[in-house]
C-alpha atoms as a PDB file:
ATOM      1  CA  UNK A   1      30.600 -38.992  -4.762  1.00  0.00           C
ATOM      2  CA  UNK A   2      29.170 -38.335  -1.296  1.00  0.00           C
ATOM      3  CA  UNK A   3      30.842 -34.937  -1.225  1.00  0.00           C
ATOM      4  CA  UNK A   4      29.151 -33.999  -4.522  1.00  0.00           C
ATOM      5  CA  UNK A   5      25.734 -34.904  -3.104  1.00  0.00           C
ATOM      6  CA  UNK A   6      26.348 -32.833   0.018  1.00  0.00           C
ATOM      7  CA  UNK A   7      27.531 -29.840  -2.027  1.00  0.00           C
ATOM      8  CA  UNK A   8      24.469 -30.166  -4.289  1.00  0.00           C
ATOM      9  CA  UNK A   9      22.139 -30.229  -1.293  1.00  0.00           C
ATOM     10  CA  UNK A  10      23.827 -27.153   0.158  1.00  0.00           C
ATOM     11  CA  UNK A  11      23.472 -25.285  -3.132  1.00  0.00           C
ATOM     12  CA  UNK A  12      19.789 -26.204  -3.362  1.00  0.00           C
ATOM     13  CA  UNK A  13      19.277 -25.009   0.205  1.00  0.00           C
ATOM     14  CA  UNK A  14      20.942 -21.695  -0.538  1.00  0.00           C
ATOM     15  CA  UNK A  15      18.883 -21.233  -3.692  1.00  0.00           C
ATOM     16  CA  UNK A  16      15.678 -21.974  -1.839  1.00  0.00           C
ATOM     17  CA  UNK A  17      16.579 -19.533   0.907  1.00  0.00           C
ATOM     18  CA  UNK A  18      17.421 -16.834  -1.649  1.00  0.00           C
ATOM     19  CA  UNK A  19      14.079 -17.304  -3.406  1.00  0.00           C
ATOM     20  CA  UNK A  20      12.210 -17.249  -0.121  1.00  0.00           C
ATOM     21  CA  UNK A  21      13.771 -13.913   0.800  1.00  0.00           C
ATOM     22  CA  UNK A  22      12.358 -12.352  -2.381  1.00  0.00           C
ATOM     23  CA  UNK A  23       8.763 -13.034  -1.320  1.00  0.00           C
ATOM     24  CA  UNK A  24       6.773 -10.068  -0.027  1.00  0.00           C
ATOM     25  CA  UNK A  25       6.238 -10.185   3.715  1.00  0.00           C
ATOM     26  CA  UNK A  26       2.557  -9.718   4.519  1.00  0.00           C
ATOM     27  CA  UNK A  27       0.574 -10.016   7.716  1.00  0.00           C
ATOM     28  CA  UNK A  28      -0.421 -13.544   6.636  1.00  0.00           C
ATOM     29  CA  UNK A  29       3.147 -14.778   6.058  1.00  0.00           C
ATOM     30  CA  UNK A  30       4.843 -12.869   8.871  1.00  0.00           C
ATOM     31  CA  UNK A  31       4.942 -13.616  12.586  1.00  0.00           C
ATOM     32  CA  UNK A  32       1.732 -13.718  14.602  1.00  0.00           C
ATOM     33  CA  UNK A  33       1.986 -10.116  15.795  1.00  0.00           C
ATOM     34  CA  UNK A  34       3.327  -8.636  12.523  1.00  0.00           C
ATOM     35  CA  UNK A  35       1.556  -5.448  11.370  1.00  0.00           C
ATOM     36  CA  UNK A  36       2.816  -3.950   8.149  1.00  0.00           C
ATOM     37  CA  UNK A  37       0.828  -0.724   8.230  1.00  0.00           C
ATOM     38  CA  UNK A  38      -0.946   1.222   5.531  1.00  0.00           C
ATOM     39  CA  UNK A  39       2.108   2.657   3.746  1.00  0.00           C
ATOM     40  CA  UNK A  40       1.487   6.199   4.914  1.00  0.00           C
ATOM     41  CA  UNK A  41       3.752   8.664   6.674  1.00  0.00           C
ATOM     42  CA  UNK A  42       3.471   9.493  10.354  1.00  0.00           C
ATOM     43  CA  UNK A  43       1.725  12.747  11.216  1.00  0.00           C
ATOM     44  CA  UNK A  44       3.442  13.324  14.542  1.00  0.00           C
ATOM     45  CA  UNK A  45       5.531  11.745  17.271  1.00  0.00           C
ATOM     46  CA  UNK A  46       5.085   9.727  20.458  1.00  0.00           C
ATOM     47  CA  UNK A  47       5.990  11.289  23.780  1.00  0.00           C
ATOM     48  CA  UNK A  48       7.663   9.525  26.689  1.00  0.00           C
ATOM     49  CA  UNK A  49       4.309   9.473  28.544  1.00  0.00           C
ATOM     50  CA  UNK A  50       2.551   7.571  25.760  1.00  0.00           C
ATOM     51  CA  UNK A  51       0.745  10.477  24.144  1.00  0.00           C
ATOM     52  CA  UNK A  52       0.858  11.421  20.476  1.00  0.00           C
ATOM     53  CA  UNK A  53       1.636  14.953  19.318  1.00  0.00           C
ATOM     54  CA  UNK A  54       0.523  16.045  15.855  1.00  0.00           C
ATOM     55  CA  UNK A  55       3.042  18.112  13.913  1.00  0.00           C
ATOM     56  CA  UNK A  56       1.425  20.630  11.554  1.00  0.00           C
ATOM     57  CA  UNK A  57       4.223  20.348   8.982  1.00  0.00           C
ATOM     58  CA  UNK A  58       3.618  16.602   8.644  1.00  0.00           C
ATOM     59  CA  UNK A  59      -0.146  16.843   8.089  1.00  0.00           C
ATOM     60  CA  UNK A  60      -1.317  16.437   4.473  1.00  0.00           C
ATOM     61  CA  UNK A  61      -2.290  19.626   2.684  1.00  0.00           C
ATOM     62  CA  UNK A  62      -5.230  19.302   0.303  1.00  0.00           C
ATOM     63  CA  UNK A  63      -5.606  21.943  -2.407  1.00  0.00           C
ATOM     64  CA  UNK A  64      -9.305  22.127  -3.270  1.00  0.00           C
ATOM     65  CA  UNK A  65     -10.420  24.457  -6.063  1.00  0.00           C
ATOM     66  CA  UNK A  66     -13.364  26.819  -5.627  1.00  0.00           C
ATOM     67  CA  UNK A  67     -16.394  25.027  -7.104  1.00  0.00           C
ATOM     68  CA  UNK A  68     -18.993  27.800  -6.877  1.00  0.00           C
ATOM     69  CA  UNK A  69     -20.920  27.978 -10.114  1.00  0.00           C
ATOM     70  CA  UNK A  70     -19.602  24.596 -11.289  1.00  0.00           C
ATOM     71  CA  UNK A  71     -22.305  22.906 -13.433  1.00  0.00           C
ATOM     72  CA  UNK A  72     -21.630  19.287 -12.421  1.00  0.00           C
ATOM     73  CA  UNK A  73     -22.895  17.752  -9.204  1.00  0.00           C
ATOM     74  CA  UNK A  74     -20.942  15.213  -7.105  1.00  0.00           C
ATOM     75  CA  UNK A  75     -23.758  12.632  -7.051  1.00  0.00           C
ATOM     76  CA  UNK A  76     -24.335  10.102  -9.845  1.00  0.00           C
ATOM     77  CA  UNK A  77     -27.747   8.443  -9.928  1.00  0.00           C
ATOM     78  CA  UNK A  78     -28.100   4.660  -9.960  1.00  0.00           C
ATOM     79  CA  UNK A  79     -30.347   4.850 -13.029  1.00  0.00           C
ATOM     80  CA  UNK A  80     -27.589   6.463 -15.114  1.00  0.00           C
ATOM     81  CA  UNK A  81     -26.692   4.266 -18.120  1.00  0.00           C
ATOM     82  CA  UNK A  82     -23.254   2.659 -18.034  1.00  0.00           C
ATOM     83  CA  UNK A  83     -22.117   3.698 -21.531  1.00  0.00           C
ATOM     84  CA  UNK A  84     -22.993   7.220 -22.559  1.00  0.00           C
ATOM     85  CA  UNK A  85     -22.082   8.032 -26.191  1.00  0.00           C
ATOM     86  CA  UNK A  86     -19.794  11.031 -26.340  1.00  0.00           C
ATOM     87  CA  UNK A  87     -19.763  13.799 -28.942  1.00  0.00           C
ATOM     88  CA  UNK A  88     -16.599  12.317 -30.521  1.00  0.00           C
ATOM     89  CA  UNK A  89     -18.447   9.051 -31.350  1.00  0.00           C
ATOM     90  CA  UNK A  90     -21.193  10.832 -33.359  1.00  0.00           C
END
């Protein structure tokens, strides 16, 4: 009887530990000095003297189209109505 209770407690402890390992580790639940980062790739490497060298191959490459003569402007006024009826609704 006592052995069954001990085995049951051990199983419950293992289950609890397994469930706890599935939780996502954040800066709030991790150790005091835990920093998860921003989920982005490094753009260079650290040197032995503490400096950081940027590597051109690791930098992001943005492909921006030529917008000369484009009729739309990037700014949207605050007075613009929220729901504008489109041509498909008419």
